[in-house]
Amino acid sequence: MIPGNVELVQVIASMSVNVAGVAATLHAEERLRRRWSSNAWLPSTRDAAILGAFLFGWLYGGPALVIHFVKSRGWLAGAVLGVLFAVLLVAADLGAQLGAAATIDWLGL
């Protein structure tokens, strides 16, 4: 593989992790929120956050998670949980990119 192909695989892994992470977090939170809070995002807002994560990666997905948690839980608890989930999203993204590069190197492609 040439270096450009390695970067392509890293981008695809990053996009997959970002979109899946934001979508899974928002959908799971939506199911939990129905039990204890009436501050729900509209479905179109949730879908826009997922689309933004697809288009712009963690630069959009991280702040979207912070905004979501602040809106649903209030400032203090929401900010702490939002930043925590945003950091986890960035760590998973970095892990996917490094894992893809390491796998390609290990296979000798």
PDB file of N, CA and C in Angstrom:
ATOM      1  N   MET A   1       0.832  -1.181   0.000  1.00  0.00           N
ATOM      2  CA  MET A   1       0.000   0.000   0.000  1.00  0.00           C
ATOM      3  C   MET A   1       0.874   1.242   0.000  1.00  0.00           C
ATOM      4  N   ILE A   2       0.437   2.225  -0.699  1.00  0.00           N
ATOM      5  CA  ILE A   2       1.150   3.498  -0.684  1.00  0.00           C
ATOM      6  C   ILE A   2       0.613   4.345   0.473  1.00  0.00           C
ATOM      7  N   PRO A   3       1.363   5.350   0.913  1.00  0.00           N
ATOM      8  CA  PRO A   3       0.925   6.149   2.068  1.00  0.00           C
ATOM      9  C   PRO A   3      -0.466   6.759   1.900  1.00  0.00           C
ATOM     10  N   GLY A   4      -0.847   7.126   0.712  1.00  0.00           N
ATOM     11  CA  GLY A   4      -2.178   7.678   0.485  1.00  0.00           C
ATOM     12  C   GLY A   4      -3.276   6.678   0.797  1.00  0.00           C
ATOM     13  N   ASN A   5      -3.031   5.409   0.503  1.00  0.00           N
ATOM     14  CA  ASN A   5      -4.018   4.386   0.806  1.00  0.00           C
ATOM     15  C   ASN A   5      -4.149   4.154   2.313  1.00  0.00           C
ATOM     16  N   VAL A   6      -3.034   4.244   3.028  1.00  0.00           N
ATOM     17  CA  VAL A   6      -3.077   4.108   4.482  1.00  0.00           C
ATOM     18  C   VAL A   6      -3.916   5.232   5.081  1.00  0.00           C
ATOM     19  N   GLU A   7      -3.713   6.439   4.583  1.00  0.00           N
ATOM     20  CA  GLU A   7      -4.504   7.575   5.070  1.00  0.00           C
ATOM     21  C   GLU A   7      -5.980   7.399   4.744  1.00  0.00           C
ATOM     22  N   LEU A   8      -6.302   6.837   3.600  1.00  0.00           N
ATOM     23  CA  LEU A   8      -7.700   6.586   3.249  1.00  0.00           C
ATOM     24  C   LEU A   8      -8.340   5.604   4.225  1.00  0.00           C
ATOM     25  N   VAL A   9      -7.623   4.552   4.557  1.00  0.00           N
ATOM     26  CA  VAL A   9      -8.151   3.577   5.517  1.00  0.00           C
ATOM     27  C   VAL A   9      -8.326   4.232   6.881  1.00  0.00           C
ATOM     28  N   GLN A  10      -7.397   5.096   7.276  1.00  0.00           N
ATOM     29  CA  GLN A  10      -7.523   5.798   8.547  1.00  0.00           C
ATOM     30  C   GLN A  10      -8.737   6.733   8.548  1.00  0.00           C
ATOM     31  N   VAL A  11      -8.978   7.415   7.458  1.00  0.00           N
ATOM     32  CA  VAL A  11     -10.137   8.310   7.371  1.00  0.00           C
ATOM     33  C   VAL A  11     -11.436   7.514   7.450  1.00  0.00           C
ATOM     34  N   ILE A  12     -11.496   6.393   6.774  1.00  0.00           N
ATOM     35  CA  ILE A  12     -12.716   5.568   6.809  1.00  0.00           C
ATOM     36  C   ILE A  12     -12.942   5.021   8.215  1.00  0.00           C
ATOM     37  N   ALA A  13     -11.888   4.584   8.887  1.00  0.00           N
ATOM     38  CA  ALA A  13     -12.022   4.102  10.269  1.00  0.00           C
ATOM     39  C   ALA A  13     -12.464   5.228  11.190  1.00  0.00           C
ATOM     40  N   SER A  14     -11.896   6.403  11.004  1.00  0.00           N
ATOM     41  CA  SER A  14     -12.265   7.558  11.825  1.00  0.00           C
ATOM     42  C   SER A  14     -13.723   7.949  11.617  1.00  0.00           C
ATOM     43  N   MET A  15     -14.157   7.992  10.370  1.00  0.00           N
ATOM     44  CA  MET A  15     -15.554   8.349  10.087  1.00  0.00           C
ATOM     45  C   MET A  15     -16.502   7.326  10.688  1.00  0.00           C
ATOM     46  N   SER A  16     -16.157   6.077  10.600  1.00  0.00           N
ATOM     47  CA  SER A  16     -17.021   5.033  11.149  1.00  0.00           C
ATOM     48  C   SER A  16     -17.152   5.158  12.659  1.00  0.00           C
ATOM     49  N   VAL A  17     -16.036   5.369  13.334  1.00  0.00           N
ATOM     50  CA  VAL A  17     -16.059   5.478  14.791  1.00  0.00           C
ATOM     51  C   VAL A  17     -16.801   6.734  15.230  1.00  0.00           C
ATOM     52  N   ASN A  18     -16.557   7.850  14.568  1.00  0.00           N
ATOM     53  CA  ASN A  18     -17.216   9.098  14.948  1.00  0.00           C
ATOM     54  C   ASN A  18     -18.727   9.027  14.774  1.00  0.00           C
ATOM     55  N   VAL A  19     -19.164   8.605  13.619  1.00  0.00           N
ATOM     56  CA  VAL A  19     -20.602   8.556  13.363  1.00  0.00           C
ATOM     57  C   VAL A  19     -21.272   7.535  14.273  1.00  0.00           C
ATOM     58  N   ALA A  20     -20.678   6.373  14.410  1.00  0.00           N
ATOM     59  CA  ALA A  20     -21.269   5.350  15.276  1.00  0.00           C
ATOM     60  C   ALA A  20     -21.265   5.794  16.737  1.00  0.00           C
ATOM     61  N   GLY A  21     -20.205   6.445  17.181  1.00  0.00           N
ATOM     62  CA  GLY A  21     -20.137   6.907  18.563  1.00  0.00           C
ATOM     63  C   GLY A  21     -21.166   7.973  18.884  1.00  0.00           C
ATOM     64  N   VAL A  22     -21.297   8.955  18.011  1.00  0.00           N
ATOM     65  CA  VAL A  22     -22.286  10.018  18.237  1.00  0.00           C
ATOM     66  C   VAL A  22     -23.697   9.450  18.151  1.00  0.00           C
ATOM     67  N   ALA A  23     -23.952   8.633  17.131  1.00  0.00           N
ATOM     68  CA  ALA A  23     -25.296   8.068  16.972  1.00  0.00           C
ATOM     69  C   ALA A  23     -25.672   7.168  18.145  1.00  0.00           C
ATOM     70  N   ALA A  24     -24.761   6.319  18.565  1.00  0.00           N
ATOM     71  CA  ALA A  24     -25.059   5.412  19.682  1.00  0.00           C
ATOM     72  C   ALA A  24     -25.285   6.190  20.974  1.00  0.00           C
ATOM     73  N   THR A  25     -24.468   7.208  21.215  1.00  0.00           N
ATOM     74  CA  THR A  25     -24.635   8.007  22.430  1.00  0.00           C
ATOM     75  C   THR A  25     -25.969   8.735  22.427  1.00  0.00           C
ATOM     76  N   LEU A  26     -26.308   9.368  21.318  1.00  0.00           N
ATOM     77  CA  LEU A  26     -27.558  10.130  21.267  1.00  0.00           C
ATOM     78  C   LEU A  26     -28.782   9.217  21.350  1.00  0.00           C
ATOM     79  N   HIS A  27     -28.748   8.080  20.680  1.00  0.00           N
ATOM     80  CA  HIS A  27     -29.894   7.164  20.736  1.00  0.00           C
ATOM     81  C   HIS A  27     -30.051   6.542  22.122  1.00  0.00           C
ATOM     82  N   ALA A  28     -28.941   6.149  22.739  1.00  0.00           N
ATOM     83  CA  ALA A  28     -29.025   5.573  24.088  1.00  0.00           C
ATOM     84  C   ALA A  28     -29.491   6.623  25.086  1.00  0.00           C
ATOM     85  N   GLU A  29     -28.992   7.821  24.946  1.00  0.00           N
ATOM     86  CA  GLU A  29     -29.390   8.907  25.839  1.00  0.00           C
ATOM     87  C   GLU A  29     -30.864   9.266  25.652  1.00  0.00           C
ATOM     88  N   GLU A  30     -31.318   9.192  24.417  1.00  0.00           N
ATOM     89  CA  GLU A  30     -32.731   9.474  24.146  1.00  0.00           C
ATOM     90  C   GLU A  30     -33.638   8.461  24.848  1.00  0.00           C
ATOM     91  N   ARG A  31     -33.242   7.213  24.846  1.00  0.00           N
ATOM     92  CA  ARG A  31     -34.042   6.188  25.533  1.00  0.00           C
ATOM     93  C   ARG A  31     -34.020   6.383  27.048  1.00  0.00           C
ATOM     94  N   LEU A  32     -32.862   6.738  27.604  1.00  0.00           N
ATOM     95  CA  LEU A  32     -32.773   6.998  29.039  1.00  0.00           C
ATOM     96  C   LEU A  32     -33.534   8.260  29.445  1.00  0.00           C
ATOM     97  N   ARG A  33     -33.442   9.280  28.625  1.00  0.00           N
ATOM     98  CA  ARG A  33     -34.034  10.573  28.936  1.00  0.00           C
ATOM     99  C   ARG A  33     -35.548  10.512  29.016  1.00  0.00           C
ATOM    100  N   ARG A  34     -36.162   9.635  28.301  1.00  0.00           N
ATOM    101  CA  ARG A  34     -37.620   9.515  28.338  1.00  0.00           C
ATOM    102  C   ARG A  34     -38.107   9.164  29.733  1.00  0.00           C
ATOM    103  N   ARG A  35     -37.254   8.530  30.514  1.00  0.00           N
ATOM    104  CA  ARG A  35     -37.641   8.134  31.858  1.00  0.00           C
ATOM    105  C   ARG A  35     -37.542   9.266  32.854  1.00  0.00           C
ATOM    106  N   TRP A  36     -36.615  10.213  32.675  1.00  0.00           N
ATOM    107  CA  TRP A  36     -36.366  11.172  33.748  1.00  0.00           C
ATOM    108  C   TRP A  36     -36.358  12.637  33.340  1.00  0.00           C
ATOM    109  N   SER A  37     -36.454  12.972  32.063  1.00  0.00           N
ATOM    110  CA  SER A  37     -36.382  14.377  31.672  1.00  0.00           C
ATOM    111  C   SER A  37     -37.254  14.650  30.455  1.00  0.00           C
ATOM    112  N   SER A  38     -37.804  15.830  30.432  1.00  0.00           N
ATOM    113  CA  SER A  38     -38.613  16.222  29.277  1.00  0.00           C
ATOM    114  C   SER A  38     -37.815  17.076  28.297  1.00  0.00           C
ATOM    115  N   ASN A  39     -36.541  17.332  28.577  1.00  0.00           N
ATOM    116  CA  ASN A  39     -35.695  18.128  27.694  1.00  0.00           C
ATOM    117  C   ASN A  39     -35.119  17.244  26.589  1.00  0.00           C
ATOM    118  N   ALA A  40     -35.883  17.021  25.576  1.00  0.00           N
ATOM    119  CA  ALA A  40     -35.451  16.125  24.506  1.00  0.00           C
ATOM    120  C   ALA A  40     -35.126  16.914  23.246  1.00  0.00           C
ATOM    121  N   TRP A  41     -34.130  16.449  22.534  1.00  0.00           N
ATOM    122  CA  TRP A  41     -33.840  17.025  21.230  1.00  0.00           C
ATOM    123  C   TRP A  41     -34.916  16.559  20.265  1.00  0.00           C
ATOM    124  N   LEU A  42     -35.234  17.394  19.298  1.00  0.00           N
ATOM    125  CA  LEU A  42     -36.119  16.969  18.224  1.00  0.00           C
ATOM    126  C   LEU A  42     -35.391  15.930  17.377  1.00  0.00           C
ATOM    127  N   PRO A  43     -36.124  15.024  16.751  1.00  0.00           N
ATOM    128  CA  PRO A  43     -35.447  14.031  15.901  1.00  0.00           C
ATOM    129  C   PRO A  43     -34.607  14.671  14.797  1.00  0.00           C
ATOM    130  N   SER A  44     -35.067  15.785  14.252  1.00  0.00           N
ATOM    131  CA  SER A  44     -34.290  16.447  13.202  1.00  0.00           C
ATOM    132  C   SER A  44     -32.973  17.009  13.745  1.00  0.00           C
ATOM    133  N   THR A  45     -32.974  17.483  14.992  1.00  0.00           N
ATOM    134  CA  THR A  45     -31.746  17.986  15.605  1.00  0.00           C
ATOM    135  C   THR A  45     -30.766  16.849  15.860  1.00  0.00           C
ATOM    136  N   ARG A  46     -31.294  15.723  16.338  1.00  0.00           N
ATOM    137  CA  ARG A  46     -30.448  14.548  16.561  1.00  0.00           C
ATOM    138  C   ARG A  46     -29.835  14.084  15.240  1.00  0.00           C
ATOM    139  N   ASP A  47     -30.645  14.024  14.194  1.00  0.00           N
ATOM    140  CA  ASP A  47     -30.143  13.592  12.891  1.00  0.00           C
ATOM    141  C   ASP A  47     -29.126  14.576  12.323  1.00  0.00           C
ATOM    142  N   ALA A  48     -29.329  15.876  12.575  1.00  0.00           N
ATOM    143  CA  ALA A  48     -28.364  16.878  12.116  1.00  0.00           C
ATOM    144  C   ALA A  48     -27.033  16.713  12.842  1.00  0.00           C
ATOM    145  N   ALA A  49     -27.070  16.365  14.125  1.00  0.00           N
ATOM    146  CA  ALA A  49     -25.826  16.135  14.873  1.00  0.00           C
ATOM    147  C   ALA A  49     -25.086  14.923  14.320  1.00  0.00           C
ATOM    148  N   ILE A  50     -25.808  13.881  13.975  1.00  0.00           N
ATOM    149  CA  ILE A  50     -25.183  12.682  13.400  1.00  0.00           C
ATOM    150  C   ILE A  50     -24.611  12.992  12.018  1.00  0.00           C
ATOM    151  N   LEU A  51     -25.345  13.741  11.205  1.00  0.00           N
ATOM    152  CA  LEU A  51     -24.852  14.130   9.882  1.00  0.00           C
ATOM    153  C   LEU A  51     -23.620  15.019  10.008  1.00  0.00           C
ATOM    154  N   GLY A  52     -23.641  15.951  10.959  1.00  0.00           N
ATOM    155  CA  GLY A  52     -22.478  16.805  11.179  1.00  0.00           C
ATOM    156  C   GLY A  52     -21.256  16.007  11.588  1.00  0.00           C
ATOM    157  N   ALA A  53     -21.459  14.970  12.419  1.00  0.00           N
ATOM    158  CA  ALA A  53     -20.335  14.109  12.798  1.00  0.00           C
ATOM    159  C   ALA A  53     -19.803  13.360  11.582  1.00  0.00           C
ATOM    160  N   PHE A  54     -20.679  12.994  10.668  1.00  0.00           N
ATOM    161  CA  PHE A  54     -20.250  12.318   9.438  1.00  0.00           C
ATOM    162  C   PHE A  54     -19.438  13.269   8.563  1.00  0.00           C
ATOM    163  N   LEU A  55     -19.915  14.500   8.434  1.00  0.00           N
ATOM    164  CA  LEU A  55     -19.265  15.445   7.532  1.00  0.00           C
ATOM    165  C   LEU A  55     -17.982  16.050   8.104  1.00  0.00           C
ATOM    166  N   PHE A  56     -17.972  16.342   9.407  1.00  0.00           N
ATOM    167  CA  PHE A  56     -16.862  17.096   9.990  1.00  0.00           C
ATOM    168  C   PHE A  56     -16.082  16.334  11.053  1.00  0.00           C
ATOM    169  N   GLY A  57     -16.475  15.113  11.369  1.00  0.00           N
ATOM    170  CA  GLY A  57     -15.726  14.297  12.315  1.00  0.00           C
ATOM    171  C   GLY A  57     -15.903  14.742  13.751  1.00  0.00           C
ATOM    172  N   TRP A  58     -14.853  14.531  14.548  1.00  0.00           N
ATOM    173  CA  TRP A  58     -14.942  14.822  15.976  1.00  0.00           C
ATOM    174  C   TRP A  58     -15.015  16.307  16.258  1.00  0.00           C
ATOM    175  N   LEU A  59     -14.608  17.154  15.299  1.00  0.00           N
ATOM    176  CA  LEU A  59     -14.710  18.596  15.495  1.00  0.00           C
ATOM    177  C   LEU A  59     -16.163  19.055  15.627  1.00  0.00           C
ATOM    178  N   TYR A  60     -17.075  18.310  15.075  1.00  0.00           N
ATOM    179  CA  TYR A  60     -18.503  18.596  15.213  1.00  0.00           C
ATOM    180  C   TYR A  60     -19.147  17.662  16.229  1.00  0.00           C
ATOM    181  N   GLY A  61     -18.742  16.417  16.227  1.00  0.00           N
ATOM    182  CA  GLY A  61     -19.351  15.431  17.117  1.00  0.00           C
ATOM    183  C   GLY A  61     -19.098  15.708  18.586  1.00  0.00           C
ATOM    184  N   GLY A  62     -17.898  16.131  18.935  1.00  0.00           N
ATOM    185  CA  GLY A  62     -17.571  16.429  20.329  1.00  0.00           C
ATOM    186  C   GLY A  62     -18.413  17.561  20.901  1.00  0.00           C
ATOM    187  N   PRO A  63     -18.423  18.739  20.254  1.00  0.00           N
ATOM    188  CA  PRO A  63     -19.283  19.815  20.760  1.00  0.00           C
ATOM    189  C   PRO A  63     -20.774  19.465  20.724  1.00  0.00           C
ATOM    190  N   ALA A  64     -21.196  18.672  19.759  1.00  0.00           N
ATOM    191  CA  ALA A  64     -22.605  18.264  19.723  1.00  0.00           C
ATOM    192  C   ALA A  64     -22.958  17.438  20.953  1.00  0.00           C
ATOM    193  N   LEU A  65     -22.057  16.571  21.377  1.00  0.00           N
ATOM    194  CA  LEU A  65     -22.306  15.784  22.590  1.00  0.00           C
ATOM    195  C   LEU A  65     -22.335  16.664  23.830  1.00  0.00           C
ATOM    196  N   VAL A  66     -21.430  17.631  23.895  1.00  0.00           N
ATOM    197  CA  VAL A  66     -21.425  18.542  25.047  1.00  0.00           C
ATOM    198  C   VAL A  66     -22.729  19.330  25.101  1.00  0.00           C
ATOM    199  N   ILE A  67     -23.154  19.875  23.975  1.00  0.00           N
ATOM    200  CA  ILE A  67     -24.407  20.639  23.927  1.00  0.00           C
ATOM    201  C   ILE A  67     -25.586  19.753  24.294  1.00  0.00           C
ATOM    202  N   HIS A  68     -25.586  18.540  23.796  1.00  0.00           N
ATOM    203  CA  HIS A  68     -26.685  17.622  24.094  1.00  0.00           C
ATOM    204  C   HIS A  68     -26.786  17.347  25.594  1.00  0.00           C
ATOM    205  N   PHE A  69     -25.677  17.032  26.228  1.00  0.00           N
ATOM    206  CA  PHE A  69     -25.712  16.712  27.656  1.00  0.00           C
ATOM    207  C   PHE A  69     -26.046  17.939  28.501  1.00  0.00           C
ATOM    208  N   VAL A  70     -25.547  19.104  28.124  1.00  0.00           N
ATOM    209  CA  VAL A  70     -25.881  20.322  28.864  1.00  0.00           C
ATOM    210  C   VAL A  70     -27.369  20.609  28.756  1.00  0.00           C
ATOM    211  N   LYS A  71     -27.936  20.429  27.578  1.00  0.00           N
ATOM    212  CA  LYS A  71     -29.362  20.684  27.397  1.00  0.00           C
ATOM    213  C   LYS A  71     -30.219  19.682  28.161  1.00  0.00           C
ATOM    214  N   SER A  72     -29.803  18.450  28.200  1.00  0.00           N
ATOM    215  CA  SER A  72     -30.633  17.421  28.822  1.00  0.00           C
ATOM    216  C   SER A  72     -30.444  17.307  30.330  1.00  0.00           C
ATOM    217  N   ARG A  73     -29.282  17.736  30.858  1.00  0.00           N
ATOM    218  CA  ARG A  73     -29.025  17.530  32.279  1.00  0.00           C
ATOM    219  C   ARG A  73     -28.700  18.796  33.057  1.00  0.00           C
ATOM    220  N   GLY A  74     -28.619  19.923  32.421  1.00  0.00           N
ATOM    221  CA  GLY A  74     -28.247  21.134  33.129  1.00  0.00           C
ATOM    222  C   GLY A  74     -26.758  21.409  32.988  1.00  0.00           C
ATOM    223  N   TRP A  75     -26.315  22.572  33.476  1.00  0.00           N
ATOM    224  CA  TRP A  75     -24.964  23.016  33.212  1.00  0.00           C
ATOM    225  C   TRP A  75     -23.878  22.151  33.821  1.00  0.00           C
ATOM    226  N   LEU A  76     -23.922  21.940  35.087  1.00  0.00           N
ATOM    227  CA  LEU A  76     -22.780  21.283  35.728  1.00  0.00           C
ATOM    228  C   LEU A  76     -22.660  19.807  35.340  1.00  0.00           C
ATOM    229  N   ALA A  77     -23.700  19.042  35.597  1.00  0.00           N
ATOM    230  CA  ALA A  77     -23.658  17.607  35.268  1.00  0.00           C
ATOM    231  C   ALA A  77     -23.552  17.403  33.765  1.00  0.00           C
ATOM    232  N   GLY A  78     -24.244  18.228  32.995  1.00  0.00           N
ATOM    233  CA  GLY A  78     -24.203  18.102  31.539  1.00  0.00           C
ATOM    234  C   GLY A  78     -22.842  18.417  30.968  1.00  0.00           C
ATOM    235  N   ALA A  79     -22.197  19.462  31.501  1.00  0.00           N
ATOM    236  CA  ALA A  79     -20.870  19.819  31.004  1.00  0.00           C
ATOM    237  C   ALA A  79     -19.853  18.728  31.323  1.00  0.00           C
ATOM    238  N   VAL A  80     -19.926  18.187  32.536  1.00  0.00           N
ATOM    239  CA  VAL A  80     -18.982  17.127  32.915  1.00  0.00           C
ATOM    240  C   VAL A  80     -19.188  15.892  32.045  1.00  0.00           C
ATOM    241  N   LEU A  81     -20.444  15.445  31.919  1.00  0.00           N
ATOM    242  CA  LEU A  81     -20.713  14.261  31.093  1.00  0.00           C
ATOM    243  C   LEU A  81     -20.416  14.522  29.617  1.00  0.00           C
ATOM    244  N   GLY A  82     -20.760  15.709  29.134  1.00  0.00           N
ATOM    245  CA  GLY A  82     -20.505  16.034  27.734  1.00  0.00           C
ATOM    246  C   GLY A  82     -19.028  16.031  27.400  1.00  0.00           C
ATOM    247  N   VAL A  83     -18.221  16.646  28.254  1.00  0.00           N
ATOM    248  CA  VAL A  83     -16.773  16.663  28.022  1.00  0.00           C
ATOM    249  C   VAL A  83     -16.209  15.247  28.127  1.00  0.00           C
ATOM    250  N   LEU A  84     -16.709  14.474  29.088  1.00  0.00           N
ATOM    251  CA  LEU A  84     -16.253  13.091  29.224  1.00  0.00           C
ATOM    252  C   LEU A  84     -16.539  12.287  27.955  1.00  0.00           C
ATOM    253  N   PHE A  85     -17.762  12.373  27.453  1.00  0.00           N
ATOM    254  CA  PHE A  85     -18.102  11.625  26.249  1.00  0.00           C
ATOM    255  C   PHE A  85     -17.366  12.158  25.019  1.00  0.00           C
ATOM    256  N   ALA A  86     -17.122  13.469  24.956  1.00  0.00           N
ATOM    257  CA  ALA A  86     -16.364  14.028  23.845  1.00  0.00           C
ATOM    258  C   ALA A  86     -14.917  13.536  23.871  1.00  0.00           C
ATOM    259  N   VAL A  87     -14.320  13.482  25.065  1.00  0.00           N
ATOM    260  CA  VAL A  87     -12.949  12.966  25.184  1.00  0.00           C
ATOM    261  C   VAL A  87     -12.906  11.484  24.802  1.00  0.00           C
ATOM    262  N   LEU A  88     -13.908  10.725  25.233  1.00  0.00           N
ATOM    263  CA  LEU A  88     -13.966   9.305  24.852  1.00  0.00           C
ATOM    264  C   LEU A  88     -14.118   9.142  23.345  1.00  0.00           C
ATOM    265  N   LEU A  89     -14.890  10.026  22.714  1.00  0.00           N
ATOM    266  CA  LEU A  89     -15.061   9.972  21.265  1.00  0.00           C
ATOM    267  C   LEU A  89     -13.734  10.247  20.559  1.00  0.00           C
ATOM    268  N   VAL A  90     -13.003  11.255  21.013  1.00  0.00           N
ATOM    269  CA  VAL A  90     -11.709  11.575  20.398  1.00  0.00           C
ATOM    270  C   VAL A  90     -10.702  10.444  20.640  1.00  0.00           C
ATOM    271  N   ALA A  91     -10.728   9.857  21.829  1.00  0.00           N
ATOM    272  CA  ALA A  91      -9.819   8.738  22.118  1.00  0.00           C
ATOM    273  C   ALA A  91     -10.144   7.525  21.242  1.00  0.00           C
ATOM    274  N   ALA A  92     -11.427   7.250  21.057  1.00  0.00           N
ATOM    275  CA  ALA A  92     -11.816   6.133  20.190  1.00  0.00           C
ATOM    276  C   ALA A  92     -11.419   6.411  18.744  1.00  0.00           C
ATOM    277  N   ASP A  93     -11.552   7.646  18.312  1.00  0.00           N
ATOM    278  CA  ASP A  93     -11.151   8.030  16.963  1.00  0.00           C
ATOM    279  C   ASP A  93      -9.654   7.838  16.772  1.00  0.00           C
ATOM    280  N   LEU A  94      -8.877   8.327  17.721  1.00  0.00           N
ATOM    281  CA  LEU A  94      -7.428   8.163  17.642  1.00  0.00           C
ATOM    282  C   LEU A  94      -7.034   6.689  17.667  1.00  0.00           C
ATOM    283  N   GLY A  95      -7.697   5.907  18.511  1.00  0.00           N
ATOM    284  CA  GLY A  95      -7.430   4.474  18.573  1.00  0.00           C
ATOM    285  C   GLY A  95      -7.760   3.765  17.271  1.00  0.00           C
ATOM    286  N   ALA A  96      -8.854   4.156  16.626  1.00  0.00           N
ATOM    287  CA  ALA A  96      -9.220   3.543  15.346  1.00  0.00           C
ATOM    288  C   ALA A  96      -8.196   3.871  14.268  1.00  0.00           C
ATOM    289  N   GLN A  97      -7.725   5.114  14.250  1.00  0.00           N
ATOM    290  CA  GLN A  97      -6.731   5.498  13.243  1.00  0.00           C
ATOM    291  C   GLN A  97      -5.400   4.784  13.466  1.00  0.00           C
ATOM    292  N   LEU A  98      -4.951   4.762  14.709  1.00  0.00           N
ATOM    293  CA  LEU A  98      -3.692   4.075  14.997  1.00  0.00           C
ATOM    294  C   LEU A  98      -3.815   2.570  14.798  1.00  0.00           C
ATOM    295  N   GLY A  99      -4.973   2.023  15.151  1.00  0.00           N
ATOM    296  CA  GLY A  99      -5.211   0.593  14.951  1.00  0.00           C
ATOM    297  C   GLY A  99      -5.215   0.212  13.479  1.00  0.00           C
ATOM    298  N   ALA A 100      -5.809   1.059  12.648  1.00  0.00           N
ATOM    299  CA  ALA A 100      -5.827   0.784  11.213  1.00  0.00           C
ATOM    300  C   ALA A 100      -4.408   0.825  10.642  1.00  0.00           C
ATOM    301  N   ALA A 101      -3.633   1.820  11.025  1.00  0.00           N
ATOM    302  CA  ALA A 101      -2.254   1.909  10.538  1.00  0.00           C
ATOM    303  C   ALA A 101      -1.405   0.739  11.039  1.00  0.00           C
ATOM    304  N   ALA A 102      -1.590   0.369  12.303  1.00  0.00           N
ATOM    305  CA  ALA A 102      -0.835  -0.751  12.863  1.00  0.00           C
ATOM    306  C   ALA A 102      -1.213  -2.070  12.198  1.00  0.00           C
ATOM    307  N   THR A 103      -2.486  -2.255  11.915  1.00  0.00           N
ATOM    308  CA  THR A 103      -2.938  -3.479  11.244  1.00  0.00           C
ATOM    309  C   THR A 103      -2.361  -3.583   9.833  1.00  0.00           C
ATOM    310  N   ILE A 104      -2.358  -2.478   9.116  1.00  0.00           N
ATOM    311  CA  ILE A 104      -1.790  -2.479   7.769  1.00  0.00           C
ATOM    312  C   ILE A 104      -0.289  -2.778   7.831  1.00  0.00           C
ATOM    313  N   ASP A 105       0.391  -2.195   8.797  1.00  0.00           N
ATOM    314  CA  ASP A 105       1.817  -2.448   8.963  1.00  0.00           C
ATOM    315  C   ASP A 105       2.081  -3.891   9.362  1.00  0.00           C
ATOM    316  N   TRP A 106       1.263  -4.413  10.281  1.00  0.00           N
ATOM    317  CA  TRP A 106       1.428  -5.792  10.757  1.00  0.00           C
ATOM    318  C   TRP A 106       1.193  -6.801   9.634  1.00  0.00           C
ATOM    319  N   LEU A 107       0.199  -6.521   8.775  1.00  0.00           N
ATOM    320  CA  LEU A 107      -0.067  -7.428   7.659  1.00  0.00           C
ATOM    321  C   LEU A 107       0.950  -7.286   6.534  1.00  0.00           C
ATOM    322  N   GLY A 108       1.726  -6.224   6.573  1.00  0.00           N
ATOM    323  CA  GLY A 108       2.741  -6.012   5.557  1.00  0.00           C
ATOM    324  C   GLY A 108       2.174  -5.579   4.222  1.00  0.00           C
ATOM    325  N   LEU A 109       1.080  -4.883   4.273  1.00  0.00           N
ATOM    326  CA  LEU A 109       0.447  -4.436   3.031  1.00  0.00           C
ATOM    327  C   LEU A 109       1.078  -3.199   2.502  1.00  0.00           C
TER     328      LEU A 109
END
